[in-house]
Amino acid sequence: DITGTNGNPSAPNWDPCTGLGSPNGMALLDL
């Protein structure tokens, strides 16, 4: 849920601004 723009509109889950988002390393490891 990273808001803002790089020229494209942001959106939850995935967008062409930050992709899937930034990582939560421990949660990523568990999953």
Full PDB file with SEQRES, HELIX, SHEET, SSBOND, CRYST1, ORIGX, SCALE, CONECT and MASTER records, all heavy atoms in Angstrom:
SEQRES   1 A   31  ASP ILE THR GLY THR ASN GLY ASN PRO SER ALA PRO ASN          
SEQRES   2 A   31  TRP ASP PRO CYS THR GLY LEU GLY SER PRO ASN GLY MET          
SEQRES   3 A   31  ALA LEU LEU ASP LEU                                          
HELIX    1 AA1 GLY A   25  ASP A   30  1                                   6    
CRYST1    1.000    1.000    1.000  90.00  90.00  90.00 P 1           1          
ORIGX1      1.000000  0.000000  0.000000        0.00000                         
ORIGX2      0.000000  1.000000  0.000000        0.00000                         
ORIGX3      0.000000  0.000000  1.000000        0.00000                         
SCALE1      1.000000  0.000000  0.000000        0.00000                         
SCALE2      0.000000  1.000000  0.000000        0.00000                         
SCALE3      0.000000  0.000000  1.000000        0.00000                         
ATOM      1  N   ASP A   1       0.856  -1.194   0.000  1.00  0.00           N  
ATOM      2  CA  ASP A   1       0.000   0.000   0.000  1.00  0.00           C  
ATOM      3  C   ASP A   1       0.887   1.237   0.000  1.00  0.00           C  
ATOM      4  O   ASP A   1       0.906   2.020   0.956  1.00  0.00           O  
ATOM      5  CB  ASP A   1      -0.932  -0.018   1.215  1.00  0.00           C  
ATOM      6  CG  ASP A   1      -2.008   1.059   1.112  1.00  0.00           C  
ATOM      7  OD1 ASP A   1      -2.218   1.573  -0.002  1.00  0.00           O  
ATOM      8  OD2 ASP A   1      -2.620   1.380   2.151  1.00  0.00           O  
ATOM      9  N   ILE A   2       1.640   1.394  -1.077  1.00  0.00           N  
ATOM     10  CA  ILE A   2       2.592   2.498  -1.207  1.00  0.00           C  
ATOM     11  C   ILE A   2       2.007   3.516  -2.180  1.00  0.00           C  
ATOM     12  O   ILE A   2       1.832   3.219  -3.370  1.00  0.00           O  
ATOM     13  CB  ILE A   2       3.960   1.991  -1.693  1.00  0.00           C  
ATOM     14  CG1 ILE A   2       4.528   0.980  -0.685  1.00  0.00           C  
ATOM     15  CG2 ILE A   2       4.931   3.145  -1.887  1.00  0.00           C  
ATOM     16  CD1 ILE A   2       5.820   0.329  -1.121  1.00  0.00           C  
ATOM     17  N   THR A   3       1.684   4.682  -1.694  1.00  0.00           N  
ATOM     18  CA  THR A   3       1.015   5.690  -2.509  1.00  0.00           C  
ATOM     19  C   THR A   3       2.026   6.610  -3.175  1.00  0.00           C  
ATOM     20  O   THR A   3       3.191   6.690  -2.785  1.00  0.00           O  
ATOM     21  CB  THR A   3       0.040   6.511  -1.658  1.00  0.00           C  
ATOM     22  OG1 THR A   3       0.781   7.167  -0.614  1.00  0.00           O  
ATOM     23  CG2 THR A   3      -1.029   5.636  -1.040  1.00  0.00           C  
ATOM     24  N   GLY A   4       1.543   7.319  -4.198  1.00  0.00           N  
ATOM     25  CA  GLY A   4       2.376   8.241  -4.944  1.00  0.00           C  
ATOM     26  C   GLY A   4       2.330   7.926  -6.421  1.00  0.00           C  
ATOM     27  O   GLY A   4       1.444   7.198  -6.897  1.00  0.00           O  
ATOM     28  N   THR A   5       3.297   8.441  -7.156  1.00  0.00           N  
ATOM     29  CA  THR A   5       3.322   8.211  -8.604  1.00  0.00           C  
ATOM     30  C   THR A   5       4.744   8.328  -9.130  1.00  0.00           C  
ATOM     31  O   THR A   5       5.555   9.068  -8.584  1.00  0.00           O  
ATOM     32  CB  THR A   5       2.425   9.219  -9.331  1.00  0.00           C  
ATOM     33  OG1 THR A   5       2.481   8.972 -10.745  1.00  0.00           O  
ATOM     34  CG2 THR A   5       2.886  10.652  -9.075  1.00  0.00           C  
ATOM     35  N   ASN A   6       5.025   7.573 -10.166  1.00  0.00           N  
ATOM     36  CA  ASN A   6       6.261   7.753 -10.932  1.00  0.00           C  
ATOM     37  C   ASN A   6       5.914   8.200 -12.349  1.00  0.00           C  
ATOM     38  O   ASN A   6       6.741   8.146 -13.251  1.00  0.00           O  
ATOM     39  CB  ASN A   6       7.068   6.452 -10.970  1.00  0.00           C  
ATOM     40  CG  ASN A   6       6.359   5.352 -11.748  1.00  0.00           C  
ATOM     41  OD1 ASN A   6       5.170   5.441 -12.046  1.00  0.00           O  
ATOM     42  ND2 ASN A   6       7.087   4.282 -12.067  1.00  0.00           N  
ATOM     43  N   GLY A   7       4.699   8.655 -12.538  1.00  0.00           N  
ATOM     44  CA  GLY A   7       4.133   8.922 -13.859  1.00  0.00           C  
ATOM     45  C   GLY A   7       2.957   8.017 -14.132  1.00  0.00           C  
ATOM     46  O   GLY A   7       2.119   8.291 -14.983  1.00  0.00           O  
ATOM     47  N   ASN A   8       2.891   6.903 -13.395  1.00  0.00           N  
ATOM     48  CA  ASN A   8       1.745   5.990 -13.386  1.00  0.00           C  
ATOM     49  C   ASN A   8       1.052   6.113 -12.033  1.00  0.00           C  
ATOM     50  O   ASN A   8       1.698   6.419 -11.028  1.00  0.00           O  
ATOM     51  CB  ASN A   8       2.207   4.540 -13.559  1.00  0.00           C  
ATOM     52  CG  ASN A   8       2.835   4.269 -14.897  1.00  0.00           C  
ATOM     53  OD1 ASN A   8       2.296   4.626 -15.928  1.00  0.00           O  
ATOM     54  ND2 ASN A   8       4.000   3.619 -14.876  1.00  0.00           N  
ATOM     55  N   PRO A   9      -0.251   5.839 -11.976  1.00  0.00           N  
ATOM     56  CA  PRO A   9      -0.924   5.838 -10.677  1.00  0.00           C  
ATOM     57  C   PRO A   9      -0.543   4.621  -9.848  1.00  0.00           C  
ATOM     58  O   PRO A   9      -0.328   3.532 -10.375  1.00  0.00           O  
ATOM     59  CB  PRO A   9      -2.411   5.818 -11.041  1.00  0.00           C  
ATOM     60  CG  PRO A   9      -2.469   5.242 -12.413  1.00  0.00           C  
ATOM     61  CD  PRO A   9      -1.195   5.643 -13.097  1.00  0.00           C  
ATOM     62  N   SER A  10      -0.424   4.818  -8.549  1.00  0.00           N  
ATOM     63  CA  SER A  10      -0.153   3.690  -7.655  1.00  0.00           C  
ATOM     64  C   SER A  10      -1.442   2.920  -7.403  1.00  0.00           C  
ATOM     65  O   SER A  10      -2.551   3.413  -7.646  1.00  0.00           O  
ATOM     66  CB  SER A  10       0.438   4.183  -6.343  1.00  0.00           C  
ATOM     67  OG  SER A  10      -0.450   5.054  -5.682  1.00  0.00           O  
ATOM     68  N   ALA A  11      -1.302   1.705  -6.911  1.00  0.00           N  
ATOM     69  CA  ALA A  11      -2.452   0.845  -6.608  1.00  0.00           C  
ATOM     70  C   ALA A  11      -2.010  -0.183  -5.585  1.00  0.00           C  
ATOM     71  O   ALA A  11      -0.817  -0.508  -5.488  1.00  0.00           O  
ATOM     72  CB  ALA A  11      -2.961   0.148  -7.878  1.00  0.00           C  
ATOM     73  N   PRO A  12      -2.935  -0.740  -4.808  1.00  0.00           N  
ATOM     74  CA  PRO A  12      -2.567  -1.805  -3.861  1.00  0.00           C  
ATOM     75  C   PRO A  12      -2.189  -3.090  -4.596  1.00  0.00           C  
ATOM     76  O   PRO A  12      -2.542  -3.294  -5.760  1.00  0.00           O  
ATOM     77  CB  PRO A  12      -3.839  -1.991  -3.034  1.00  0.00           C  
ATOM     78  CG  PRO A  12      -4.942  -1.494  -3.911  1.00  0.00           C  
ATOM     79  CD  PRO A  12      -4.357  -0.382  -4.714  1.00  0.00           C  
ATOM     80  N   ASN A  13      -1.463  -3.935  -3.914  1.00  0.00           N  
ATOM     81  CA  ASN A  13      -1.051  -5.271  -4.385  1.00  0.00           C  
ATOM     82  C   ASN A  13       0.075  -5.240  -5.416  1.00  0.00           C  
ATOM     83  O   ASN A  13       1.099  -5.869  -5.236  1.00  0.00           O  
ATOM     84  CB  ASN A  13      -2.229  -6.078  -4.912  1.00  0.00           C  
ATOM     85  CG  ASN A  13      -3.242  -6.396  -3.834  1.00  0.00           C  
ATOM     86  OD1 ASN A  13      -2.991  -6.212  -2.641  1.00  0.00           O  
ATOM     87  ND2 ASN A  13      -4.410  -6.868  -4.240  1.00  0.00           N  
ATOM     88  N   TRP A  14      -0.120  -4.559  -6.538  1.00  0.00           N  
ATOM     89  CA  TRP A  14       0.948  -4.393  -7.535  1.00  0.00           C  
ATOM     90  C   TRP A  14       0.657  -3.154  -8.356  1.00  0.00           C  
ATOM     91  O   TRP A  14      -0.505  -2.863  -8.677  1.00  0.00           O  
ATOM     92  CB  TRP A  14       1.044  -5.606  -8.473  1.00  0.00           C  
ATOM     93  CG  TRP A  14       2.173  -5.450  -9.468  1.00  0.00           C  
ATOM     94  CD1 TRP A  14       3.460  -5.866  -9.317  1.00  0.00           C  
ATOM     95  CD2 TRP A  14       2.122  -4.784 -10.744  1.00  0.00           C  
ATOM     96  NE1 TRP A  14       4.218  -5.503 -10.414  1.00  0.00           N  
ATOM     97  CE2 TRP A  14       3.408  -4.831 -11.303  1.00  0.00           C  
ATOM     98  CE3 TRP A  14       1.120  -4.132 -11.464  1.00  0.00           C  
ATOM     99  CZ2 TRP A  14       3.722  -4.292 -12.550  1.00  0.00           C  
ATOM    100  CZ3 TRP A  14       1.419  -3.576 -12.701  1.00  0.00           C  
ATOM    101  CH2 TRP A  14       2.712  -3.664 -13.244  1.00  0.00           C  
ATOM    102  N   ASP A  15       1.712  -2.454  -8.715  1.00  0.00           N  
ATOM    103  CA  ASP A  15       1.586  -1.345  -9.664  1.00  0.00           C  
ATOM    104  C   ASP A  15       2.939  -1.126 -10.348  1.00  0.00           C  
ATOM    105  O   ASP A  15       3.966  -1.642  -9.887  1.00  0.00           O  
ATOM    106  CB  ASP A  15       1.098  -0.057  -8.977  1.00  0.00           C  
ATOM    107  CG  ASP A  15       1.999   0.416  -7.860  1.00  0.00           C  
ATOM    108  OD1 ASP A  15       3.237   0.345  -8.009  1.00  0.00           O  
ATOM    109  OD2 ASP A  15       1.482   0.876  -6.824  1.00  0.00           O  
ATOM    110  N   PRO A  16       2.948  -0.390 -11.489  1.00  0.00           N  
ATOM    111  CA  PRO A  16       4.197  -0.128 -12.191  1.00  0.00           C  
ATOM    112  C   PRO A  16       4.961   1.051 -11.594  1.00  0.00           C  
ATOM    113  O   PRO A  16       5.657   1.777 -12.316  1.00  0.00           O  
ATOM    114  CB  PRO A  16       3.726   0.157 -13.624  1.00  0.00           C  
ATOM    115  CG  PRO A  16       2.370   0.751 -13.453  1.00  0.00           C  
ATOM    116  CD  PRO A  16       1.772   0.075 -12.247  1.00  0.00           C  
ATOM    117  N   CYS A  17       4.824   1.241 -10.287  1.00  0.00           N  
ATOM    118  CA  CYS A  17       5.593   2.239  -9.535  1.00  0.00           C  
ATOM    119  C   CYS A  17       6.572   1.542  -8.603  1.00  0.00           C  
ATOM    120  O   CYS A  17       7.771   1.828  -8.628  1.00  0.00           O  
ATOM    121  CB  CYS A  17       4.674   3.140  -8.721  1.00  0.00           C  
ATOM    122  SG  CYS A  17       3.360   3.965  -9.630  1.00  0.00           S  
ATOM    123  N   THR A  18       6.041   0.623  -7.797  1.00  0.00           N  
ATOM    124  CA  THR A  18       6.886  -0.122  -6.854  1.00  0.00           C  
ATOM    125  C   THR A  18       6.673  -1.629  -6.932  1.00  0.00           C  
ATOM    126  O   THR A  18       7.130  -2.374  -6.081  1.00  0.00           O  
ATOM    127  CB  THR A  18       6.642   0.359  -5.404  1.00  0.00           C  
ATOM    128  OG1 THR A  18       5.253   0.177  -5.069  1.00  0.00           O  
ATOM    129  CG2 THR A  18       7.007   1.826  -5.239  1.00  0.00           C  
ATOM    130  N   GLY A  19       5.956  -2.098  -7.940  1.00  0.00           N  
ATOM    131  CA  GLY A  19       5.748  -3.524  -8.107  1.00  0.00           C  
ATOM    132  C   GLY A  19       4.890  -4.111  -6.996  1.00  0.00           C  
ATOM    133  O   GLY A  19       3.853  -3.548  -6.642  1.00  0.00           O  
ATOM    134  N   LEU A  20       5.329  -5.225  -6.453  1.00  0.00           N  
ATOM    135  CA  LEU A  20       4.604  -5.878  -5.361  1.00  0.00           C  
ATOM    136  C   LEU A  20       4.732  -5.107  -4.050  1.00  0.00           C  
ATOM    137  O   LEU A  20       4.032  -5.403  -3.083  1.00  0.00           O  
ATOM    138  CB  LEU A  20       5.141  -7.294  -5.160  1.00  0.00           C  
ATOM    139  CG  LEU A  20       4.911  -8.255  -6.334  1.00  0.00           C  
ATOM    140  CD1 LEU A  20       5.826  -9.477  -6.196  1.00  0.00           C  
ATOM    141  CD2 LEU A  20       3.458  -8.685  -6.419  1.00  0.00           C  
ATOM    142  N   GLY A  21       5.633  -4.128  -4.020  1.00  0.00           N  
ATOM    143  CA  GLY A  21       5.863  -3.315  -2.838  1.00  0.00           C  
ATOM    144  C   GLY A  21       7.258  -3.529  -2.281  1.00  0.00           C  
ATOM    145  O   GLY A  21       8.133  -4.103  -2.935  1.00  0.00           O  
ATOM    146  N   SER A  22       7.457  -3.062  -1.066  1.00  0.00           N  
ATOM    147  CA  SER A  22       8.727  -3.268  -0.372  1.00  0.00           C  
ATOM    148  C   SER A  22       8.608  -4.493   0.532  1.00  0.00           C  
ATOM    149  O   SER A  22       7.518  -4.871   0.932  1.00  0.00           O  
ATOM    150  CB  SER A  22       9.099  -2.022   0.434  1.00  0.00           C  
ATOM    151  OG  SER A  22       8.136  -1.780   1.449  1.00  0.00           O  
ATOM    152  N   PRO A  23       9.735  -5.119   0.862  1.00  0.00           N  
ATOM    153  CA  PRO A  23       9.658  -6.411   1.561  1.00  0.00           C  
ATOM    154  C   PRO A  23       9.522  -6.291   3.073  1.00  0.00           C  
ATOM    155  O   PRO A  23      10.054  -5.379   3.702  1.00  0.00           O  
ATOM    156  CB  PRO A  23      11.005  -7.053   1.213  1.00  0.00           C  
ATOM    157  CG  PRO A  23      11.928  -5.875   1.087  1.00  0.00           C  
ATOM    158  CD  PRO A  23      11.106  -4.784   0.462  1.00  0.00           C  
ATOM    159  N   ASN A  24       8.813  -7.241   3.625  1.00  0.00           N  
ATOM    160  CA  ASN A  24       8.894  -7.563   5.049  1.00  0.00           C  
ATOM    161  C   ASN A  24       9.652  -8.877   5.112  1.00  0.00           C  
ATOM    162  O   ASN A  24       9.088  -9.940   4.842  1.00  0.00           O  
ATOM    163  CB  ASN A  24       7.498  -7.702   5.656  1.00  0.00           C  
ATOM    164  CG  ASN A  24       7.519  -8.078   7.120  1.00  0.00           C  
ATOM    165  OD1 ASN A  24       8.346  -8.865   7.562  1.00  0.00           O  
ATOM    166  ND2 ASN A  24       6.604  -7.516   7.886  1.00  0.00           N  
ATOM    167  N   GLY A  25      10.936  -8.798   5.413  1.00  0.00           N  
ATOM    168  CA  GLY A  25      11.809  -9.939   5.231  1.00  0.00           C  
ATOM    169  C   GLY A  25      11.396 -11.179   5.989  1.00  0.00           C  
ATOM    170  O   GLY A  25      11.408 -12.289   5.438  1.00  0.00           O  
ATOM    171  N   MET A  26      11.018 -11.040   7.252  1.00  0.00           N  
ATOM    172  CA  MET A  26      10.661 -12.214   8.051  1.00  0.00           C  
ATOM    173  C   MET A  26       9.351 -12.831   7.582  1.00  0.00           C  
ATOM    174  O   MET A  26       9.221 -14.065   7.521  1.00  0.00           O  
ATOM    175  CB  MET A  26      10.587 -11.840   9.533  1.00  0.00           C  
ATOM    176  CG  MET A  26      11.943 -11.593  10.165  1.00  0.00           C  
ATOM    177  SD  MET A  26      13.079 -13.000  10.013  1.00  0.00           S  
ATOM    178  CE  MET A  26      12.168 -14.289  10.889  1.00  0.00           C  
ATOM    179  N   ALA A  27       8.384 -12.002   7.238  1.00  0.00           N  
ATOM    180  CA  ALA A  27       7.120 -12.539   6.718  1.00  0.00           C  
ATOM    181  C   ALA A  27       7.343 -13.222   5.380  1.00  0.00           C  
ATOM    182  O   ALA A  27       6.752 -14.284   5.096  1.00  0.00           O  
ATOM    183  CB  ALA A  27       6.083 -11.424   6.585  1.00  0.00           C  
ATOM    184  N   LEU A  28       8.190 -12.642   4.539  1.00  0.00           N  
ATOM    185  CA  LEU A  28       8.521 -13.260   3.257  1.00  0.00           C  
ATOM    186  C   LEU A  28       9.179 -14.611   3.478  1.00  0.00           C  
ATOM    187  O   LEU A  28       8.839 -15.598   2.806  1.00  0.00           O  
ATOM    188  CB  LEU A  28       9.429 -12.322   2.454  1.00  0.00           C  
ATOM    189  CG  LEU A  28       9.941 -12.826   1.108  1.00  0.00           C  
ATOM    190  CD1 LEU A  28       8.800 -13.226   0.182  1.00  0.00           C  
ATOM    191  CD2 LEU A  28      10.822 -11.763   0.444  1.00  0.00           C  
ATOM    192  N   LEU A  29      10.106 -14.675   4.431  1.00  0.00           N  
ATOM    193  CA  LEU A  29      10.764 -15.941   4.739  1.00  0.00           C  
ATOM    194  C   LEU A  29       9.745 -16.997   5.170  1.00  0.00           C  
ATOM    195  O   LEU A  29       9.768 -18.139   4.675  1.00  0.00           O  
ATOM    196  CB  LEU A  29      11.802 -15.730   5.846  1.00  0.00           C  
ATOM    197  CG  LEU A  29      12.475 -16.986   6.388  1.00  0.00           C  
ATOM    198  CD1 LEU A  29      13.263 -17.704   5.300  1.00  0.00           C  
ATOM    199  CD2 LEU A  29      13.382 -16.620   7.566  1.00  0.00           C  
ATOM    200  N   ASP A  30       8.847 -16.639   6.057  1.00  0.00           N  
ATOM    201  CA  ASP A  30       7.851 -17.598   6.548  1.00  0.00           C  
ATOM    202  C   ASP A  30       6.967 -18.111   5.423  1.00  0.00           C  
ATOM    203  O   ASP A  30       6.678 -19.318   5.343  1.00  0.00           O  
ATOM    204  CB  ASP A  30       6.989 -16.952   7.631  1.00  0.00           C  
ATOM    205  CG  ASP A  30       7.753 -16.724   8.932  1.00  0.00           C  
ATOM    206  OD1 ASP A  30       8.821 -17.341   9.106  1.00  0.00           O  
ATOM    207  OD2 ASP A  30       7.292 -15.903   9.755  1.00  0.00           O  
ATOM    208  N   LEU A  31       6.552 -17.214   4.532  1.00  0.00           N  
ATOM    209  CA  LEU A  31       5.677 -17.618   3.433  1.00  0.00           C  
ATOM    210  C   LEU A  31       6.426 -18.469   2.403  1.00  0.00           C  
ATOM    211  O   LEU A  31       5.855 -19.406   1.842  1.00  0.00           O  
ATOM    212  CB  LEU A  31       5.042 -16.393   2.780  1.00  0.00           C  
ATOM    213  CG  LEU A  31       3.958 -15.726   3.633  1.00  0.00           C  
ATOM    214  CD1 LEU A  31       3.582 -14.357   3.062  1.00  0.00           C  
ATOM    215  CD2 LEU A  31       2.714 -16.616   3.712  1.00  0.00           C  
TER     216      LEU A  31                                                      
MASTER        0    0    0    1    0    0    0    6  215    1    0    3          
END                                                                             
